[in-house]
Each structure stands twice: as structure tokens, then as C-alpha cells.
Amino acid sequence: MSEAATLQEIRLALGREPGLRLFRHNQGALRDITGRVVTFGLHPGCPDLIGWRAVTVTPEMVGRVVGLFAGVEIKAPGGKHPVTPEQQRFIAAIAEAGGLAGVARNVAQARHILGLPPT
């Protein structure tokens, strides 16, 4: 299965999870009509899927719901394409800030990263 197919499978599997919102993050560069290079995307290494998971916080904040930033880097099963150093740093930064982040090669891994129960 290709990375694109894996990404689509994960998006479809997680798309109806309550409190979870993930968006496809495209990144790259193109030449415009004048030949200038135009880059797009948030930052080098930003995961393929970004968004948030709503959670109810600890007892001292009873009843308050917060969104945890979430980032899932999608790779095709089989490990053909490695995680880049930029991707590793971005994932680590999200995790260090208390967010949910990791690399997924299938739906089960994506669910685990996001703290969702197995299906």
C-alpha cells in the first residue's frame, strides 16, 4: 500500500471520532508563472495530519474541555521511506509540549498515537 493510500485509510477511519479533528497538511514548493519558487506548508517536518483531540482535564479543572494539539506523520507500511530528521524534531516538539504526535503506518498505530481505543 502506498503512503497516499495509507493516509486516506487513516483519514477515513478517524474521521468520525468524537472530539478529534485532523486536517491534511500539504507542504512543498512550486514555481509560479514568473518562475519564482513559492513554498507552502507550516514548517519543515510538520506532520501529514494535524489538528486536535478534545479532552476533559484533571480534577482541578473539572468540566473544562481542552484541545490537545495532534500531529500524525504517515508512512507507507514496510518502512520504504524513513522519517526525516525534520519530522523527528517536529514530532518531538509536539510531544514535549504535551501534545499527541508520532509516526503511523496503519490505522491501529494512528489510534494509539492519539490515545484512542483499538477498534
N, C-alpha and C. Protein backbone atom coordinates (compact mmCIF):
# COMPACT_ATOMS: atom_id res chain seq x y z
N MET A 1 0.85 -1.17 0.00
CA MET A 1 0.00 0.00 0.00
C MET A 1 0.90 1.24 0.00
N SER A 2 0.54 2.23 -0.77
CA SER A 2 1.32 3.47 -0.87
C SER A 2 1.07 4.36 0.35
N GLU A 3 1.93 5.37 0.50
CA GLU A 3 1.73 6.34 1.57
C GLU A 3 0.41 7.08 1.39
N ALA A 4 0.08 7.44 0.16
CA ALA A 4 -1.18 8.14 -0.11
C ALA A 4 -2.38 7.28 0.27
N ALA A 5 -2.34 6.01 -0.06
CA ALA A 5 -3.44 5.10 0.29
C ALA A 5 -3.52 4.90 1.80
N THR A 6 -2.37 4.80 2.46
CA THR A 6 -2.34 4.67 3.92
C THR A 6 -2.94 5.91 4.57
N LEU A 7 -2.55 7.07 4.08
CA LEU A 7 -3.08 8.33 4.60
C LEU A 7 -4.59 8.38 4.46
N GLN A 8 -5.10 8.02 3.31
CA GLN A 8 -6.55 8.06 3.08
C GLN A 8 -7.27 7.06 3.97
N GLU A 9 -6.71 5.88 4.14
CA GLU A 9 -7.32 4.87 5.02
C GLU A 9 -7.41 5.39 6.46
N ILE A 10 -6.34 6.01 6.94
CA ILE A 10 -6.33 6.56 8.29
C ILE A 10 -7.32 7.71 8.42
N ARG A 11 -7.36 8.59 7.44
CA ARG A 11 -8.31 9.72 7.48
C ARG A 11 -9.75 9.22 7.54
N LEU A 12 -10.06 8.23 6.74
CA LEU A 12 -11.43 7.69 6.75
C LEU A 12 -11.75 6.99 8.06
N ALA A 13 -10.79 6.26 8.61
CA ALA A 13 -11.03 5.53 9.86
C ALA A 13 -11.20 6.47 11.05
N LEU A 14 -10.52 7.61 11.04
CA LEU A 14 -10.57 8.51 12.19
C LEU A 14 -11.52 9.68 12.01
N GLY A 15 -12.07 9.82 10.83
CA GLY A 15 -12.87 11.00 10.50
C GLY A 15 -14.12 11.21 11.32
N ARG A 16 -14.65 10.18 11.94
CA ARG A 16 -15.89 10.33 12.72
C ARG A 16 -15.67 10.18 14.22
N GLU A 17 -14.41 10.19 14.64
CA GLU A 17 -14.12 10.09 16.08
C GLU A 17 -14.58 11.36 16.79
N PRO A 18 -15.39 11.23 17.83
CA PRO A 18 -15.85 12.43 18.56
C PRO A 18 -14.66 13.19 19.17
N GLY A 19 -14.69 14.50 19.03
CA GLY A 19 -13.67 15.34 19.64
C GLY A 19 -12.33 15.34 18.93
N LEU A 20 -12.21 14.64 17.82
CA LEU A 20 -10.95 14.57 17.08
C LEU A 20 -11.12 15.27 15.74
N ARG A 21 -10.25 16.22 15.45
CA ARG A 21 -10.27 16.91 14.17
C ARG A 21 -8.85 16.92 13.62
N LEU A 22 -8.67 16.25 12.51
CA LEU A 22 -7.38 16.20 11.83
C LEU A 22 -7.53 16.75 10.42
N PHE A 23 -6.56 17.50 9.99
CA PHE A 23 -6.57 18.11 8.67
C PHE A 23 -5.32 17.70 7.91
N ARG A 24 -5.47 17.52 6.62
CA ARG A 24 -4.34 17.17 5.76
C ARG A 24 -3.44 18.38 5.63
N HIS A 25 -2.17 18.20 5.95
CA HIS A 25 -1.20 19.29 5.84
C HIS A 25 -0.29 19.00 4.65
N ASN A 26 -0.40 19.81 3.64
CA ASN A 26 0.46 19.69 2.47
C ASN A 26 1.63 20.64 2.62
N GLN A 27 2.78 20.21 2.17
CA GLN A 27 3.97 21.04 2.24
C GLN A 27 4.81 20.81 0.99
N GLY A 28 5.41 21.87 0.52
CA GLY A 28 6.26 21.72 -0.66
C GLY A 28 6.60 23.06 -1.27
N ALA A 29 6.94 23.02 -2.54
CA ALA A 29 7.31 24.24 -3.26
C ALA A 29 6.95 24.07 -4.74
N LEU A 30 6.56 25.16 -5.33
CA LEU A 30 6.23 25.19 -6.76
C LEU A 30 6.75 26.49 -7.36
N ARG A 31 6.95 26.49 -8.64
CA ARG A 31 7.31 27.74 -9.33
C ARG A 31 6.02 28.39 -9.82
N ASP A 32 5.92 29.70 -9.59
CA ASP A 32 4.75 30.42 -10.08
C ASP A 32 4.94 30.77 -11.55
N ILE A 33 4.02 31.49 -12.09
CA ILE A 33 4.03 31.80 -13.52
C ILE A 33 5.27 32.62 -13.93
N THR A 34 5.85 33.34 -12.96
CA THR A 34 7.05 34.14 -13.26
C THR A 34 8.34 33.36 -13.03
N GLY A 35 8.22 32.14 -12.51
CA GLY A 35 9.39 31.32 -12.26
C GLY A 35 9.90 31.38 -10.83
N ARG A 36 9.27 32.23 -9.99
CA ARG A 36 9.66 32.30 -8.58
C ARG A 36 9.21 31.05 -7.84
N VAL A 37 10.04 30.60 -6.91
CA VAL A 37 9.69 29.45 -6.08
C VAL A 37 8.80 29.93 -4.94
N VAL A 38 7.64 29.30 -4.82
CA VAL A 38 6.69 29.62 -3.75
C VAL A 38 6.58 28.39 -2.86
N THR A 39 6.92 28.55 -1.59
CA THR A 39 6.81 27.42 -0.66
C THR A 39 5.48 27.49 0.05
N PHE A 40 5.00 26.33 0.48
CA PHE A 40 3.75 26.29 1.22
C PHE A 40 3.86 25.22 2.30
N GLY A 41 3.04 25.38 3.32
CA GLY A 41 3.07 24.49 4.47
C GLY A 41 3.48 25.26 5.70
N LEU A 42 3.25 24.66 6.86
CA LEU A 42 3.53 25.35 8.11
C LEU A 42 5.02 25.48 8.42
N HIS A 43 5.72 24.37 8.41
CA HIS A 43 7.13 24.36 8.80
C HIS A 43 7.73 23.05 8.34
N PRO A 44 9.01 23.04 7.93
CA PRO A 44 9.62 21.76 7.54
C PRO A 44 9.48 20.72 8.64
N GLY A 45 9.02 19.54 8.26
CA GLY A 45 8.86 18.45 9.22
C GLY A 45 7.47 18.35 9.81
N CYS A 46 6.61 19.32 9.53
CA CYS A 46 5.24 19.27 10.08
C CYS A 46 4.55 18.00 9.59
N PRO A 47 3.85 17.29 10.50
CA PRO A 47 3.22 16.02 10.13
C PRO A 47 2.16 16.15 9.03
N ASP A 48 1.86 15.02 8.41
CA ASP A 48 0.87 14.97 7.33
C ASP A 48 -0.54 15.31 7.81
N LEU A 49 -0.87 14.90 9.01
CA LEU A 49 -2.17 15.20 9.60
C LEU A 49 -1.94 16.02 10.86
N ILE A 50 -2.61 17.17 10.95
CA ILE A 50 -2.51 17.99 12.15
C ILE A 50 -3.91 18.40 12.60
N GLY A 51 -4.04 18.67 13.86
CA GLY A 51 -5.33 19.09 14.39
C GLY A 51 -5.32 19.01 15.90
N TRP A 52 -6.44 18.54 16.47
CA TRP A 52 -6.55 18.45 17.91
C TRP A 52 -7.45 17.31 18.34
N ARG A 53 -7.29 16.92 19.59
CA ARG A 53 -8.18 15.97 20.24
C ARG A 53 -8.69 16.64 21.50
N ALA A 54 -10.00 16.74 21.63
CA ALA A 54 -10.61 17.34 22.81
C ALA A 54 -10.56 16.35 23.96
N VAL A 55 -10.12 16.84 25.10
CA VAL A 55 -10.05 16.01 26.30
C VAL A 55 -10.59 16.80 27.49
N THR A 56 -11.13 16.08 28.46
CA THR A 56 -11.52 16.71 29.71
C THR A 56 -10.33 16.62 30.64
N VAL A 57 -9.97 17.72 31.25
CA VAL A 57 -8.75 17.78 32.03
C VAL A 57 -8.93 17.26 33.45
N THR A 58 -7.86 17.33 34.23
CA THR A 58 -7.76 16.76 35.56
C THR A 58 -8.75 17.39 36.56
N PRO A 59 -8.90 16.78 37.75
CA PRO A 59 -9.89 17.24 38.74
C PRO A 59 -9.83 18.73 39.08
N GLU A 60 -8.66 19.32 39.14
CA GLU A 60 -8.60 20.74 39.50
C GLU A 60 -9.21 21.64 38.43
N MET A 61 -9.49 21.10 37.27
CA MET A 61 -10.14 21.87 36.21
C MET A 61 -11.41 21.15 35.75
N VAL A 62 -12.12 20.57 36.68
CA VAL A 62 -13.29 19.74 36.39
C VAL A 62 -14.25 20.43 35.42
N GLY A 63 -14.64 19.64 34.43
CA GLY A 63 -15.63 20.09 33.46
C GLY A 63 -15.09 20.92 32.31
N ARG A 64 -13.86 21.34 32.40
CA ARG A 64 -13.29 22.14 31.33
C ARG A 64 -12.72 21.21 30.26
N VAL A 65 -13.03 21.49 29.02
CA VAL A 65 -12.51 20.69 27.91
C VAL A 65 -11.42 21.49 27.21
N VAL A 66 -10.32 20.84 26.91
CA VAL A 66 -9.23 21.50 26.19
C VAL A 66 -8.88 20.66 24.96
N GLY A 67 -8.29 21.30 24.01
CA GLY A 67 -7.83 20.59 22.82
C GLY A 67 -6.34 20.35 22.89
N LEU A 68 -5.93 19.11 22.74
CA LEU A 68 -4.51 18.78 22.67
C LEU A 68 -4.10 18.81 21.21
N PHE A 69 -3.03 19.53 20.91
CA PHE A 69 -2.53 19.55 19.54
C PHE A 69 -2.12 18.14 19.15
N ALA A 70 -2.44 17.76 17.95
CA ALA A 70 -2.13 16.41 17.47
C ALA A 70 -1.46 16.49 16.10
N GLY A 71 -0.45 15.65 15.91
CA GLY A 71 0.23 15.56 14.63
C GLY A 71 0.61 14.12 14.35
N VAL A 72 0.19 13.61 13.21
CA VAL A 72 0.50 12.23 12.83
C VAL A 72 1.20 12.24 11.48
N GLU A 73 2.44 11.78 11.48
CA GLU A 73 3.20 11.63 10.23
C GLU A 73 2.87 10.26 9.67
N ILE A 74 2.43 10.22 8.42
CA ILE A 74 2.01 8.98 7.79
C ILE A 74 3.14 8.45 6.90
N LYS A 75 3.43 7.17 7.05
CA LYS A 75 4.40 6.49 6.20
C LYS A 75 3.76 5.20 5.70
N ALA A 76 4.14 4.80 4.51
CA ALA A 76 3.61 3.56 3.94
C ALA A 76 4.10 2.36 4.76
N PRO A 77 3.28 1.33 4.86
CA PRO A 77 3.74 0.11 5.53
C PRO A 77 5.00 -0.43 4.84
N GLY A 78 5.87 -1.03 5.61
CA GLY A 78 7.07 -1.61 5.03
C GLY A 78 8.33 -0.79 5.24
N GLY A 79 8.20 0.44 5.70
CA GLY A 79 9.36 1.24 6.03
C GLY A 79 10.22 1.69 4.87
N LYS A 80 9.65 1.76 3.67
CA LYS A 80 10.43 2.14 2.49
C LYS A 80 10.94 3.58 2.58
N HIS A 81 10.13 4.47 3.14
CA HIS A 81 10.52 5.88 3.27
C HIS A 81 10.74 6.19 4.74
N PRO A 82 11.97 6.54 5.12
CA PRO A 82 12.26 6.81 6.53
C PRO A 82 11.69 8.16 6.99
N VAL A 83 11.58 8.30 8.29
CA VAL A 83 11.18 9.57 8.89
C VAL A 83 12.40 10.49 8.82
N THR A 84 12.20 11.71 8.33
CA THR A 84 13.32 12.64 8.18
C THR A 84 13.69 13.24 9.54
N PRO A 85 14.90 13.76 9.66
CA PRO A 85 15.28 14.43 10.91
C PRO A 85 14.34 15.59 11.25
N GLU A 86 13.90 16.34 10.25
CA GLU A 86 12.96 17.44 10.48
C GLU A 86 11.65 16.93 11.05
N GLN A 87 11.15 15.81 10.51
CA GLN A 87 9.91 15.21 11.01
C GLN A 87 10.10 14.72 12.45
N GLN A 88 11.23 14.10 12.72
CA GLN A 88 11.52 13.63 14.08
C GLN A 88 11.53 14.79 15.07
N ARG A 89 12.16 15.90 14.69
CA ARG A 89 12.21 17.07 15.58
C ARG A 89 10.83 17.67 15.81
N PHE A 90 10.02 17.76 14.77
CA PHE A 90 8.69 18.35 14.92
C PHE A 90 7.83 17.48 15.82
N ILE A 91 7.85 16.17 15.61
CA ILE A 91 7.09 15.23 16.43
C ILE A 91 7.54 15.34 17.89
N ALA A 92 8.85 15.40 18.12
CA ALA A 92 9.37 15.52 19.48
C ALA A 92 8.91 16.83 20.13
N ALA A 93 8.90 17.92 19.37
CA ALA A 93 8.48 19.21 19.91
C ALA A 93 7.01 19.17 20.34
N ILE A 94 6.16 18.55 19.54
CA ILE A 94 4.75 18.42 19.90
C ILE A 94 4.62 17.63 21.19
N ALA A 95 5.29 16.49 21.26
CA ALA A 95 5.21 15.62 22.44
C ALA A 95 5.75 16.33 23.69
N GLU A 96 6.86 17.04 23.56
CA GLU A 96 7.44 17.75 24.70
C GLU A 96 6.53 18.85 25.22
N ALA A 97 5.69 19.40 24.35
CA ALA A 97 4.74 20.44 24.76
C ALA A 97 3.43 19.86 25.28
N GLY A 98 3.35 18.53 25.37
CA GLY A 98 2.14 17.90 25.90
C GLY A 98 1.15 17.47 24.85
N GLY A 99 1.49 17.60 23.57
CA GLY A 99 0.58 17.19 22.50
C GLY A 99 0.70 15.71 22.20
N LEU A 100 -0.04 15.29 21.20
CA LEU A 100 -0.07 13.90 20.76
C LEU A 100 0.60 13.84 19.40
N ALA A 101 1.66 13.04 19.26
CA ALA A 101 2.36 13.01 17.99
C ALA A 101 3.12 11.71 17.81
N GLY A 102 3.26 11.31 16.55
CA GLY A 102 4.02 10.11 16.23
C GLY A 102 3.93 9.78 14.77
N VAL A 103 4.49 8.64 14.42
CA VAL A 103 4.52 8.14 13.05
C VAL A 103 3.61 6.92 12.98
N ALA A 104 2.73 6.90 11.99
CA ALA A 104 1.80 5.78 11.82
C ALA A 104 1.94 5.18 10.43
N ARG A 105 1.95 3.85 10.39
CA ARG A 105 1.97 3.11 9.13
C ARG A 105 0.67 2.35 8.92
N ASN A 106 -0.29 2.51 9.86
CA ASN A 106 -1.61 1.89 9.73
C ASN A 106 -2.57 2.56 10.70
N VAL A 107 -3.84 2.20 10.61
CA VAL A 107 -4.88 2.81 11.43
C VAL A 107 -4.63 2.53 12.91
N ALA A 108 -4.25 1.32 13.26
CA ALA A 108 -4.04 0.97 14.67
C ALA A 108 -2.95 1.84 15.29
N GLN A 109 -1.88 2.09 14.58
CA GLN A 109 -0.81 2.94 15.10
C GLN A 109 -1.30 4.38 15.27
N ALA A 110 -2.08 4.88 14.32
CA ALA A 110 -2.62 6.24 14.43
C ALA A 110 -3.53 6.35 15.65
N ARG A 111 -4.38 5.36 15.87
CA ARG A 111 -5.27 5.36 17.03
C ARG A 111 -4.45 5.37 18.32
N HIS A 112 -3.40 4.60 18.37
CA HIS A 112 -2.55 4.54 19.56
C HIS A 112 -1.91 5.90 19.84
N ILE A 113 -1.36 6.54 18.81
CA ILE A 113 -0.73 7.85 18.95
C ILE A 113 -1.72 8.86 19.54
N LEU A 114 -2.95 8.79 19.10
CA LEU A 114 -3.96 9.75 19.51
C LEU A 114 -4.68 9.35 20.81
N GLY A 115 -4.26 8.25 21.41
CA GLY A 115 -4.85 7.82 22.68
C GLY A 115 -6.27 7.28 22.54
N LEU A 116 -6.59 6.77 21.36
CA LEU A 116 -7.92 6.21 21.11
C LEU A 116 -7.90 4.72 21.35
N PRO A 117 -9.01 4.15 21.80
CA PRO A 117 -9.04 2.71 22.00
C PRO A 117 -8.97 1.96 20.67
N PRO A 118 -8.43 0.74 20.70
CA PRO A 118 -8.40 -0.07 19.47
C PRO A 118 -9.82 -0.37 18.99
N THR A 119 -9.94 -0.61 17.71
CA THR A 119 -11.28 -0.96 17.19
C THR A 119 -11.44 -2.46 17.07
